[in-house]
C-alpha atoms as a PDB file:
ATOM      1  CA  UNK A   1     134.321  64.481 -91.815  1.00  0.00           C
ATOM      2  CA  UNK A   2     133.963  66.538 -95.157  1.00  0.00           C
ATOM      3  CA  UNK A   3     130.988  65.510 -97.425  1.00  0.00           C
ATOM      4  CA  UNK A   4     131.846  64.492-100.780  1.00  0.00           C
ATOM      5  CA  UNK A   5     128.197  64.005-101.519  1.00  0.00           C
ATOM      6  CA  UNK A   6     125.135  66.410-100.282  1.00  0.00           C
ATOM      7  CA  UNK A   7     121.666  66.199-101.568  1.00  0.00           C
ATOM      8  CA  UNK A   8     119.490  68.793-100.141  1.00  0.00           C
ATOM      9  CA  UNK A   9     115.637  69.116-100.481  1.00  0.00           C
ATOM     10  CA  UNK A  10     115.770  67.106-103.604  1.00  0.00           C
ATOM     11  CA  UNK A  11     112.688  66.916-105.517  1.00  0.00           C
ATOM     12  CA  UNK A  12     112.254  64.927-108.582  1.00  0.00           C
ATOM     13  CA  UNK A  13     109.350  63.364-111.105  1.00  0.00           C
ATOM     14  CA  UNK A  14     108.466  61.216-113.773  1.00  0.00           C
ATOM     15  CA  UNK A  15     105.738  63.431-115.900  1.00  0.00           C
ATOM     16  CA  UNK A  16     103.097  64.275-113.228  1.00  0.00           C
ATOM     17  CA  UNK A  17     104.156  61.335-110.640  1.00  0.00           C
ATOM     18  CA  UNK A  18     106.516  62.885-107.935  1.00  0.00           C
ATOM     19  CA  UNK A  19     108.692  60.294-106.727  1.00  0.00           C
ATOM     20  CA  UNK A  20     110.955  62.286-104.430  1.00  0.00           C
ATOM     21  CA  UNK A  21     110.188  65.028-102.037  1.00  0.00           C
ATOM     22  CA  UNK A  22     112.492  67.028-100.723  1.00  0.00           C
ATOM     23  CA  UNK A  23     115.194  64.497 -99.988  1.00  0.00           C
ATOM     24  CA  UNK A  24     118.387  65.311 -97.838  1.00  0.00           C
ATOM     25  CA  UNK A  25     121.109  62.774 -98.150  1.00  0.00           C
ATOM     26  CA  UNK A  26     125.025  63.187 -97.853  1.00  0.00           C
ATOM     27  CA  UNK A  27     128.071  60.795 -97.587  1.00  0.00           C
ATOM     28  CA  UNK A  28     131.341  61.674 -96.202  1.00  0.00           C
ATOM     29  CA  UNK A  29     134.874  61.037 -97.372  1.00  0.00           C
ATOM     30  CA  UNK A  30     135.812  57.067 -96.898  1.00  0.00           C
ATOM     31  CA  UNK A  31     132.209  56.435 -95.654  1.00  0.00           C
ATOM     32  CA  UNK A  32     129.869  53.450 -96.396  1.00  0.00           C
ATOM     33  CA  UNK A  33     126.134  54.268 -96.378  1.00  0.00           C
ATOM     34  CA  UNK A  34     123.244  52.252 -97.019  1.00  0.00           C
ATOM     35  CA  UNK A  35     120.080  53.103 -98.174  1.00  0.00           C
ATOM     36  CA  UNK A  36     116.965  50.930 -97.706  1.00  0.00           C
ATOM     37  CA  UNK A  37     113.531  50.980 -98.488  1.00  0.00           C
ATOM     38  CA  UNK A  38     110.701  48.730 -99.989  1.00  0.00           C
ATOM     39  CA  UNK A  39     110.601  48.757-103.954  1.00  0.00           C
ATOM     40  CA  UNK A  40     108.917  51.917-105.094  1.00  0.00           C
ATOM     41  CA  UNK A  41     109.856  53.866-101.998  1.00  0.00           C
ATOM     42  CA  UNK A  42     112.393  56.200-104.146  1.00  0.00           C
ATOM     43  CA  UNK A  43     116.071  54.778-104.047  1.00  0.00           C
ATOM     44  CA  UNK A  44     116.823  54.083-107.566  1.00  0.00           C
ATOM     45  CA  UNK A  45     114.740  57.473-108.564  1.00  0.00           C
ATOM     46  CA  UNK A  46     117.337  59.073-106.087  1.00  0.00           C
ATOM     47  CA  UNK A  47     120.707  57.269-107.682  1.00  0.00           C
ATOM     48  CA  UNK A  48     119.317  58.187-111.268  1.00  0.00           C
ATOM     49  CA  UNK A  49     119.407  62.181-109.907  1.00  0.00           C
ATOM     50  CA  UNK A  50     122.278  61.845-108.161  1.00  0.00           C
ATOM     51  CA  UNK A  51     124.457  60.263-111.498  1.00  0.00           C
ATOM     52  CA  UNK A  52     122.797  62.656-113.875  1.00  0.00           C
ATOM     53  CA  UNK A  53     120.511  60.115-115.410  1.00  0.00           C
ATOM     54  CA  UNK A  54     117.621  62.166-114.801  1.00  0.00           C
ATOM     55  CA  UNK A  55     117.193  66.076-113.668  1.00  0.00           C
ATOM     56  CA  UNK A  56     115.477  67.320-110.393  1.00  0.00           C
ATOM     57  CA  UNK A  57     112.603  69.348-110.204  1.00  0.00           C
ATOM     58  CA  UNK A  58     113.925  71.354-107.368  1.00  0.00           C
ATOM     59  CA  UNK A  59     116.797  70.831-104.647  1.00  0.00           C
ATOM     60  CA  UNK A  60     120.343  70.764-104.895  1.00  0.00           C
ATOM     61  CA  UNK A  61     123.069  68.089-105.650  1.00  0.00           C
ATOM     62  CA  UNK A  62     126.837  68.752-104.479  1.00  0.00           C
ATOM     63  CA  UNK A  63     129.352  66.397-105.514  1.00  0.00           C
ATOM     64  CA  UNK A  64     133.105  66.711-104.545  1.00  0.00           C
ATOM     65  CA  UNK A  65     132.533  70.454-103.638  1.00  0.00           C
ATOM     66  CA  UNK A  66     130.957  71.024-106.669  1.00  0.00           C
ATOM     67  CA  UNK A  67     126.766  71.931-107.729  1.00  0.00           C
ATOM     68  CA  UNK A  68     126.265  69.025-110.190  1.00  0.00           C
ATOM     69  CA  UNK A  69     121.991  69.094-110.143  1.00  0.00           C
ATOM     70  CA  UNK A  70     122.441  69.577-113.793  1.00  0.00           C
ATOM     71  CA  UNK A  71     125.753  67.954-114.700  1.00  0.00           C
ATOM     72  CA  UNK A  72     125.406  65.051-117.224  1.00  0.00           C
ATOM     73  CA  UNK A  73     125.948  61.585-116.432  1.00  0.00           C
ATOM     74  CA  UNK A  74     129.009  61.128-118.629  1.00  0.00           C
ATOM     75  CA  UNK A  75     131.051  64.357-116.895  1.00  0.00           C
ATOM     76  CA  UNK A  76     130.135  62.934-113.362  1.00  0.00           C
ATOM     77  CA  UNK A  77     132.220  59.598-114.048  1.00  0.00           C
ATOM     78  CA  UNK A  78     134.996  62.003-115.260  1.00  0.00           C
ATOM     79  CA  UNK A  79     134.764  63.754-111.957  1.00  0.00           C
ATOM     80  CA  UNK A  80     135.036  60.716-109.897  1.00  0.00           C
ATOM     81  CA  UNK A  81     131.495  59.048-109.467  1.00  0.00           C
ATOM     82  CA  UNK A  82     130.706  55.729-110.668  1.00  0.00           C
ATOM     83  CA  UNK A  83     127.763  53.256-110.419  1.00  0.00           C
ATOM     84  CA  UNK A  84     127.406  49.301-110.543  1.00  0.00           C
ATOM     85  CA  UNK A  85     123.487  49.319-112.047  1.00  0.00           C
ATOM     86  CA  UNK A  86     121.084  46.798-110.834  1.00  0.00           C
ATOM     87  CA  UNK A  87     120.957  44.149-113.130  1.00  0.00           C
ATOM     88  CA  UNK A  88     124.473  44.739-114.073  1.00  0.00           C
ATOM     89  CA  UNK A  89     124.128  45.970-117.478  1.00  0.00           C
ATOM     90  CA  UNK A  90     127.028  43.891-119.316  1.00  0.00           C
ATOM     91  CA  UNK A  91     127.730  43.987-122.824  1.00  0.00           C
ATOM     92  CA  UNK A  92     126.884  40.965-124.444  1.00  0.00           C
ATOM     93  CA  UNK A  93     129.310  39.078-126.773  1.00  0.00           C
ATOM     94  CA  UNK A  94     132.499  40.722-125.330  1.00  0.00           C
ATOM     95  CA  UNK A  95     134.828  39.295-122.855  1.00  0.00           C
ATOM     96  CA  UNK A  96     135.076  39.629-119.419  1.00  0.00           C
ATOM     97  CA  UNK A  97     138.643  42.286-120.041  1.00  0.00           C
ATOM     98  CA  UNK A  98     136.506  43.916-122.904  1.00  0.00           C
ATOM     99  CA  UNK A  99     133.571  45.021-120.657  1.00  0.00           C
ATOM    100  CA  UNK A 100     136.538  46.444-117.747  1.00  0.00           C
ATOM    101  CA  UNK A 101     138.434  48.117-120.834  1.00  0.00           C
ATOM    102  CA  UNK A 102     135.594  49.993-121.590  1.00  0.00           C
ATOM    103  CA  UNK A 103     135.979  52.330-118.419  1.00  0.00           C
ATOM    104  CA  UNK A 104     139.770  53.053-119.033  1.00  0.00           C
ATOM    105  CA  UNK A 105     139.352  56.034-121.296  1.00  0.00           C
ATOM    106  CA  UNK A 106     136.216  57.303-119.631  1.00  0.00           C
ATOM    107  CA  UNK A 107     138.080  57.704-115.916  1.00  0.00           C
ATOM    108  CA  UNK A 108     139.196  60.128-114.067  1.00  0.00           C
ATOM    109  CA  UNK A 109     142.472  61.407-114.840  1.00  0.00           C
ATOM    110  CA  UNK A 110     143.413  62.938-110.989  1.00  0.00           C
ATOM    111  CA  UNK A 111     144.684  60.002-109.657  1.00  0.00           C
ATOM    112  CA  UNK A 112     147.958  59.189-108.235  1.00  0.00           C
ATOM    113  CA  UNK A 113     149.736  56.249-109.464  1.00  0.00           C
ATOM    114  CA  UNK A 114     149.344  54.182-106.258  1.00  0.00           C
ATOM    115  CA  UNK A 115     146.143  54.884-106.225  1.00  0.00           C
ATOM    116  CA  UNK A 116     144.941  54.094-109.292  1.00  0.00           C
ATOM    117  CA  UNK A 117     143.086  51.189-110.157  1.00  0.00           C
ATOM    118  CA  UNK A 118     144.391  48.913-112.755  1.00  0.00           C
ATOM    119  CA  UNK A 119     143.721  45.402-114.666  1.00  0.00           C
ATOM    120  CA  UNK A 120     146.358  43.917-112.320  1.00  0.00           C
ATOM    121  CA  UNK A 121     145.123  45.516-109.157  1.00  0.00           C
ATOM    122  CA  UNK A 122     141.209  44.238-109.900  1.00  0.00           C
ATOM    123  CA  UNK A 123     142.302  40.838-110.427  1.00  0.00           C
ATOM    124  CA  UNK A 124     144.378  41.164-107.089  1.00  0.00           C
ATOM    125  CA  UNK A 125     140.913  42.052-105.690  1.00  0.00           C
ATOM    126  CA  UNK A 126     138.453  39.824-107.567  1.00  0.00           C
ATOM    127  CA  UNK A 127     140.806  37.010-109.032  1.00  0.00           C
ATOM    128  CA  UNK A 128     137.979  34.847-110.558  1.00  0.00           C
ATOM    129  CA  UNK A 129     138.051  37.812-113.455  1.00  0.00           C
ATOM    130  CA  UNK A 130     141.658  37.164-114.169  1.00  0.00           C
ATOM    131  CA  UNK A 131     140.627  33.466-114.298  1.00  0.00           C
ATOM    132  CA  UNK A 132     137.609  34.084-116.759  1.00  0.00           C
ATOM    133  CA  UNK A 133     138.909  37.143-118.343  1.00  0.00           C
ATOM    134  CA  UNK A 134     139.065  35.922-121.958  1.00  0.00           C
ATOM    135  CA  UNK A 135     135.156  34.346-121.302  1.00  0.00           C
ATOM    136  CA  UNK A 136     132.146  35.825-122.819  1.00  0.00           C
ATOM    137  CA  UNK A 137     130.275  37.886-119.896  1.00  0.00           C
ATOM    138  CA  UNK A 138     127.028  36.036-120.736  1.00  0.00           C
ATOM    139  CA  UNK A 139     128.640  32.180-119.797  1.00  0.00           C
ATOM    140  CA  UNK A 140     129.282  33.848-116.208  1.00  0.00           C
ATOM    141  CA  UNK A 141     127.556  32.982-113.428  1.00  0.00           C
ATOM    142  CA  UNK A 142     125.295  35.980-111.974  1.00  0.00           C
ATOM    143  CA  UNK A 143     127.861  36.566-108.765  1.00  0.00           C
ATOM    144  CA  UNK A 144     130.592  36.386-111.727  1.00  0.00           C
ATOM    145  CA  UNK A 145     129.187  38.844-113.624  1.00  0.00           C
ATOM    146  CA  UNK A 146     128.385  41.153-110.586  1.00  0.00           C
ATOM    147  CA  UNK A 147     131.796  41.112-109.930  1.00  0.00           C
ATOM    148  CA  UNK A 148     132.756  42.334-113.456  1.00  0.00           C
ATOM    149  CA  UNK A 149     130.077  44.875-112.836  1.00  0.00           C
ATOM    150  CA  UNK A 150     132.049  46.422-109.798  1.00  0.00           C
ATOM    151  CA  UNK A 151     135.442  45.874-111.629  1.00  0.00           C
ATOM    152  CA  UNK A 152     134.340  48.221-114.441  1.00  0.00           C
ATOM    153  CA  UNK A 153     132.874  50.796-111.812  1.00  0.00           C
ATOM    154  CA  UNK A 154     136.219  50.666-110.026  1.00  0.00           C
ATOM    155  CA  UNK A 155     138.402  51.250-113.180  1.00  0.00           C
ATOM    156  CA  UNK A 156     136.528  54.697-113.592  1.00  0.00           C
ATOM    157  CA  UNK A 157     138.823  55.696-110.673  1.00  0.00           C
ATOM    158  CA  UNK A 158     135.764  56.823-108.480  1.00  0.00           C
ATOM    159  CA  UNK A 159     135.567  58.906-105.815  1.00  0.00           C
ATOM    160  CA  UNK A 160     132.333  57.818-105.035  1.00  0.00           C
ATOM    161  CA  UNK A 161     130.646  54.338-105.663  1.00  0.00           C
ATOM    162  CA  UNK A 162     127.104  54.066-106.026  1.00  0.00           C
ATOM    163  CA  UNK A 163     125.776  49.808-105.790  1.00  0.00           C
ATOM    164  CA  UNK A 164     121.998  49.585-106.502  1.00  0.00           C
ATOM    165  CA  UNK A 165     121.086  45.983-105.523  1.00  0.00           C
ATOM    166  CA  UNK A 166     124.176  44.346-105.634  1.00  0.00           C
ATOM    167  CA  UNK A 167     122.912  40.973-104.024  1.00  0.00           C
ATOM    168  CA  UNK A 168     119.766  40.936-105.929  1.00  0.00           C
ATOM    169  CA  UNK A 169     119.245  37.309-107.138  1.00  0.00           C
ATOM    170  CA  UNK A 170     122.601  35.785-105.854  1.00  0.00           C
ATOM    171  CA  UNK A 171     123.253  32.994-103.563  1.00  0.00           C
ATOM    172  CA  UNK A 172     123.998  33.845-100.130  1.00  0.00           C
ATOM    173  CA  UNK A 173     127.473  32.851-100.282  1.00  0.00           C
ATOM    174  CA  UNK A 174     128.318  35.255-103.376  1.00  0.00           C
ATOM    175  CA  UNK A 175     126.926  37.893-101.424  1.00  0.00           C
ATOM    176  CA  UNK A 176     129.119  37.703 -98.382  1.00  0.00           C
ATOM    177  CA  UNK A 177     131.731  37.060-100.827  1.00  0.00           C
ATOM    178  CA  UNK A 178     131.082  40.268-102.481  1.00  0.00           C
ATOM    179  CA  UNK A 179     130.675  42.548 -99.238  1.00  0.00           C
ATOM    180  CA  UNK A 180     133.595  41.124 -97.751  1.00  0.00           C
ATOM    181  CA  UNK A 181     134.972  43.294-100.610  1.00  0.00           C
ATOM    182  CA  UNK A 182     133.797  46.493 -99.719  1.00  0.00           C
ATOM    183  CA  UNK A 183     136.109  47.086 -96.885  1.00  0.00           C
ATOM    184  CA  UNK A 184     139.020  46.881 -99.186  1.00  0.00           C
ATOM    185  CA  UNK A 185     137.432  49.315-101.808  1.00  0.00           C
ATOM    186  CA  UNK A 186     136.754  51.810 -98.875  1.00  0.00           C
ATOM    187  CA  UNK A 187     140.166  51.655 -97.775  1.00  0.00           C
ATOM    188  CA  UNK A 188     141.422  52.727-101.616  1.00  0.00           C
ATOM    189  CA  UNK A 189     139.517  56.081-101.102  1.00  0.00           C
ATOM    190  CA  UNK A 190     136.699  55.507-102.512  1.00  0.00           C
ATOM    191  CA  UNK A 191     133.054  56.161-100.383  1.00  0.00           C
ATOM    192  CA  UNK A 192     130.222  53.663-101.044  1.00  0.00           C
ATOM    193  CA  UNK A 193     126.798  53.709-101.070  1.00  0.00           C
ATOM    194  CA  UNK A 194     124.876  50.414-100.809  1.00  0.00           C
ATOM    195  CA  UNK A 195     121.327  50.105-101.764  1.00  0.00           C
ATOM    196  CA  UNK A 196     119.655  47.034 -99.940  1.00  0.00           C
ATOM    197  CA  UNK A 197     116.852  45.111 -99.527  1.00  0.00           C
ATOM    198  CA  UNK A 198     118.542  42.658 -96.784  1.00  0.00           C
ATOM    199  CA  UNK A 199     117.996  45.555 -93.891  1.00  0.00           C
ATOM    200  CA  UNK A 200     120.318  43.204 -91.344  1.00  0.00           C
ATOM    201  CA  UNK A 201     123.104  43.195 -93.949  1.00  0.00           C
ATOM    202  CA  UNK A 202     122.471  46.758 -94.965  1.00  0.00           C
ATOM    203  CA  UNK A 203     123.090  47.534 -90.977  1.00  0.00           C
ATOM    204  CA  UNK A 204     126.365  45.186 -90.564  1.00  0.00           C
ATOM    205  CA  UNK A 205     127.655  46.628 -93.773  1.00  0.00           C
ATOM    206  CA  UNK A 206     127.633  50.217 -93.594  1.00  0.00           C
ATOM    207  CA  UNK A 207     128.991  53.506 -91.304  1.00  0.00           C
ATOM    208  CA  UNK A 208     125.328  55.230 -91.717  1.00  0.00           C
ATOM    209  CA  UNK A 209     121.929  54.154 -92.993  1.00  0.00           C
ATOM    210  CA  UNK A 210     118.790  55.891 -94.808  1.00  0.00           C
ATOM    211  CA  UNK A 211     115.858  54.661 -94.989  1.00  0.00           C
ATOM    212  CA  UNK A 212     112.952  55.730 -97.958  1.00  0.00           C
ATOM    213  CA  UNK A 213     109.402  55.325 -97.869  1.00  0.00           C
ATOM    214  CA  UNK A 214     106.968  56.631-100.694  1.00  0.00           C
ATOM    215  CA  UNK A 215     110.068  58.999-101.818  1.00  0.00           C
ATOM    216  CA  UNK A 216     110.775  60.697 -98.379  1.00  0.00           C
ATOM    217  CA  UNK A 217     113.586  59.851 -96.169  1.00  0.00           C
ATOM    218  CA  UNK A 218     112.127  58.423 -93.250  1.00  0.00           C
ATOM    219  CA  UNK A 219     115.029  57.430 -90.915  1.00  0.00           C
ATOM    220  CA  UNK A 220     118.727  58.328 -90.911  1.00  0.00           C
ATOM    221  CA  UNK A 221     121.498  57.939 -88.337  1.00  0.00           C
ATOM    222  CA  UNK A 222     124.663  55.787 -87.749  1.00  0.00           C
ATOM    223  CA  UNK A 223     124.185  52.170 -88.422  1.00  0.00           C
ATOM    224  CA  UNK A 224     125.051  50.780 -85.026  1.00  0.00           C
ATOM    225  CA  UNK A 225     122.748  53.199 -83.294  1.00  0.00           C
ATOM    226  CA  UNK A 226     119.349  52.828 -84.512  1.00  0.00           C
ATOM    227  CA  UNK A 227     116.976  49.962 -83.343  1.00  0.00           C
ATOM    228  CA  UNK A 228     115.524  47.545 -85.337  1.00  0.00           C
ATOM    229  CA  UNK A 229     112.022  48.751 -84.100  1.00  0.00           C
ATOM    230  CA  UNK A 230     112.898  52.247 -85.561  1.00  0.00           C
ATOM    231  CA  UNK A 231     113.836  50.692 -88.706  1.00  0.00           C
ATOM    232  CA  UNK A 232     110.543  48.811 -89.182  1.00  0.00           C
ATOM    233  CA  UNK A 233     108.436  51.694 -88.698  1.00  0.00           C
ATOM    234  CA  UNK A 234     110.443  53.673 -91.098  1.00  0.00           C
ATOM    235  CA  UNK A 235     110.372  50.986 -93.624  1.00  0.00           C
ATOM    236  CA  UNK A 236     106.996  50.049 -93.389  1.00  0.00           C
ATOM    237  CA  UNK A 237     105.239  53.522 -92.292  1.00  0.00           C
ATOM    238  CA  UNK A 238     104.424  54.240 -88.702  1.00  0.00           C
ATOM    239  CA  UNK A 239     100.834  52.999 -89.078  1.00  0.00           C
ATOM    240  CA  UNK A 240     101.261  49.854 -90.549  1.00  0.00           C
END
């Protein structure tokens, strides 16, 4: 399969602190890839570099066949890269529908009408958003707010959707409901990266899996073929 995203030997730093060391990472068109690792492993830093929120110190990033290491975040959105950020970052004081509409004039333009995410199509995928569309987002439950964040990202018409800790702080029933939507999103032509603390859920929901530790990729491969003991060693370190 053709890669929609290729990261090669990527390094990144916060001042004198190096956060990523020669990271290789890729996702093929139509794949769901899980990215796991403990807090501080470098997962969010990798997403920041991919989305143009920070500049790498070395290495390359290619998205949809174009070199994008120095491409600003707003330009990447128009190319078809969208993220559901940790903490959701919705606009308080605005309704559900107003939060969703924010992306409509910033979306990727080269999308066939039949494949395009519209409010109507989004409401079919996430009916609770239609029910609560006139509510202020701060009045929603955490799970409903997460669905607004996912819906907002989809309305950007992404080729690739990055989901950073979408299950964090949510009840298991809500998490299950959100993850059940991922295959339908993938079927629409969108590749997905999920950053997830729950290793079991990450494995069962993805085609391939990457594990990071201290800024390095310590394990990668097809999710269904990686042994649990290998994941444990990669997650905690070979000498833990």
